[in-house]
Amino acid sequence: MIDIEIWSRWKGLAETIIIIPKFKRVWEKTKDVHAHEFRDFIDSL
């Protein structure tokens, strides 16, 4: 379980970096190595 304040900051960071084109390209190539739940979360942003 992650503290709500830490989660809020982490989620905000994820929402910021997901719009970076290079991050999106790398994510598409490497997301299969991550847990299904994490992939779903990142892909939902």
N, C-alpha and C. Protein backbone atom coordinates (compact mmCIF):
# COMPACT_ATOMS: atom_id res chain seq x y z
N MET A 1 0.85 -1.17 0.00
CA MET A 1 0.00 0.00 0.00
C MET A 1 0.90 1.23 0.00
N ILE A 2 0.53 2.22 -0.79
CA ILE A 2 1.31 3.46 -0.90
C ILE A 2 0.54 4.60 -0.24
N ASP A 3 1.24 5.39 0.53
CA ASP A 3 0.65 6.57 1.16
C ASP A 3 -0.02 7.43 0.09
N ILE A 4 -1.20 7.95 0.38
CA ILE A 4 -1.99 8.72 -0.59
C ILE A 4 -1.23 9.94 -1.11
N GLU A 5 -0.46 10.60 -0.27
CA GLU A 5 0.30 11.78 -0.71
C GLU A 5 1.41 11.37 -1.69
N ILE A 6 2.09 10.29 -1.38
CA ILE A 6 3.14 9.81 -2.28
C ILE A 6 2.52 9.34 -3.60
N TRP A 7 1.40 8.62 -3.52
CA TRP A 7 0.73 8.16 -4.74
C TRP A 7 0.30 9.34 -5.60
N SER A 8 -0.24 10.37 -4.99
CA SER A 8 -0.69 11.54 -5.73
C SER A 8 0.46 12.18 -6.49
N ARG A 9 1.60 12.29 -5.86
CA ARG A 9 2.78 12.86 -6.52
C ARG A 9 3.27 11.96 -7.65
N TRP A 10 3.30 10.65 -7.40
CA TRP A 10 3.77 9.72 -8.40
C TRP A 10 2.83 9.72 -9.60
N LYS A 11 1.53 9.74 -9.35
CA LYS A 11 0.56 9.76 -10.44
C LYS A 11 0.71 11.04 -11.27
N GLY A 12 0.91 12.16 -10.61
CA GLY A 12 1.12 13.42 -11.30
C GLY A 12 2.35 13.38 -12.19
N LEU A 13 3.41 12.78 -11.70
CA LEU A 13 4.63 12.62 -12.49
C LEU A 13 4.36 11.73 -13.70
N ALA A 14 3.66 10.64 -13.49
CA ALA A 14 3.35 9.73 -14.60
C ALA A 14 2.51 10.43 -15.65
N GLU A 15 1.56 11.23 -15.23
CA GLU A 15 0.72 11.98 -16.17
C GLU A 15 1.54 12.99 -16.97
N THR A 16 2.59 13.51 -16.36
CA THR A 16 3.46 14.47 -17.04
C THR A 16 4.37 13.79 -18.05
N ILE A 17 4.99 12.69 -17.66
CA ILE A 17 5.96 12.07 -18.56
C ILE A 17 5.31 11.28 -19.69
N ILE A 18 4.08 10.84 -19.52
CA ILE A 18 3.44 10.04 -20.57
C ILE A 18 3.23 10.86 -21.85
N ILE A 19 3.23 12.17 -21.75
CA ILE A 19 3.02 12.98 -22.96
C ILE A 19 4.32 13.28 -23.71
N ILE A 20 5.45 12.87 -23.16
CA ILE A 20 6.73 13.06 -23.83
C ILE A 20 6.85 12.02 -24.94
N PRO A 21 7.02 12.47 -26.18
CA PRO A 21 7.06 11.51 -27.30
C PRO A 21 8.06 10.37 -27.14
N LYS A 22 9.27 10.67 -26.67
CA LYS A 22 10.27 9.61 -26.51
C LYS A 22 9.82 8.60 -25.47
N PHE A 23 9.22 9.07 -24.39
CA PHE A 23 8.73 8.15 -23.37
C PHE A 23 7.67 7.23 -23.97
N LYS A 24 6.75 7.80 -24.75
CA LYS A 24 5.70 6.99 -25.37
C LYS A 24 6.30 5.91 -26.27
N ARG A 25 7.31 6.26 -27.05
CA ARG A 25 7.94 5.28 -27.94
C ARG A 25 8.60 4.16 -27.15
N VAL A 26 9.34 4.54 -26.12
CA VAL A 26 10.01 3.53 -25.29
C VAL A 26 8.98 2.68 -24.56
N TRP A 27 7.94 3.32 -24.04
CA TRP A 27 6.90 2.58 -23.32
C TRP A 27 6.27 1.52 -24.22
N GLU A 28 5.93 1.88 -25.44
CA GLU A 28 5.31 0.93 -26.36
C GLU A 28 6.21 -0.27 -26.63
N LYS A 29 7.52 -0.05 -26.64
CA LYS A 29 8.46 -1.14 -26.92
C LYS A 29 8.76 -2.00 -25.69
N THR A 30 8.57 -1.46 -24.49
CA THR A 30 9.03 -2.16 -23.28
C THR A 30 7.92 -2.48 -22.28
N LYS A 31 6.70 -2.06 -22.53
CA LYS A 31 5.66 -2.22 -21.50
C LYS A 31 5.36 -3.66 -21.15
N ASP A 32 5.67 -4.59 -22.06
CA ASP A 32 5.37 -6.00 -21.78
C ASP A 32 6.19 -6.60 -20.65
N VAL A 33 7.27 -5.93 -20.25
CA VAL A 33 8.08 -6.46 -19.15
C VAL A 33 7.51 -6.06 -17.78
N HIS A 34 6.49 -5.22 -17.77
CA HIS A 34 5.88 -4.75 -16.52
C HIS A 34 4.63 -5.54 -16.18
N ALA A 35 4.24 -5.47 -14.93
CA ALA A 35 3.03 -6.16 -14.47
C ALA A 35 1.80 -5.63 -15.20
N HIS A 36 0.85 -6.51 -15.42
CA HIS A 36 -0.38 -6.17 -16.14
C HIS A 36 -1.07 -4.95 -15.53
N GLU A 37 -1.15 -4.90 -14.21
CA GLU A 37 -1.82 -3.78 -13.53
C GLU A 37 -1.10 -2.45 -13.79
N PHE A 38 0.22 -2.50 -13.79
CA PHE A 38 0.99 -1.28 -14.06
C PHE A 38 0.80 -0.85 -15.51
N ARG A 39 0.84 -1.79 -16.44
CA ARG A 39 0.59 -1.45 -17.85
C ARG A 39 -0.78 -0.82 -18.02
N ASP A 40 -1.79 -1.39 -17.38
CA ASP A 40 -3.14 -0.84 -17.48
C ASP A 40 -3.19 0.58 -16.95
N PHE A 41 -2.50 0.82 -15.83
CA PHE A 41 -2.49 2.15 -15.23
C PHE A 41 -1.85 3.16 -16.18
N ILE A 42 -0.65 2.85 -16.67
CA ILE A 42 0.04 3.79 -17.55
C ILE A 42 -0.77 4.01 -18.84
N ASP A 43 -1.31 2.95 -19.39
CA ASP A 43 -2.08 3.08 -20.62
C ASP A 43 -3.39 3.84 -20.41
N SER A 44 -3.85 3.94 -19.18
CA SER A 44 -5.10 4.66 -18.90
C SER A 44 -4.89 6.17 -18.77
N LEU A 45 -3.64 6.61 -18.70
CA LEU A 45 -3.36 8.03 -18.53
C LEU A 45 -3.56 8.79 -19.81
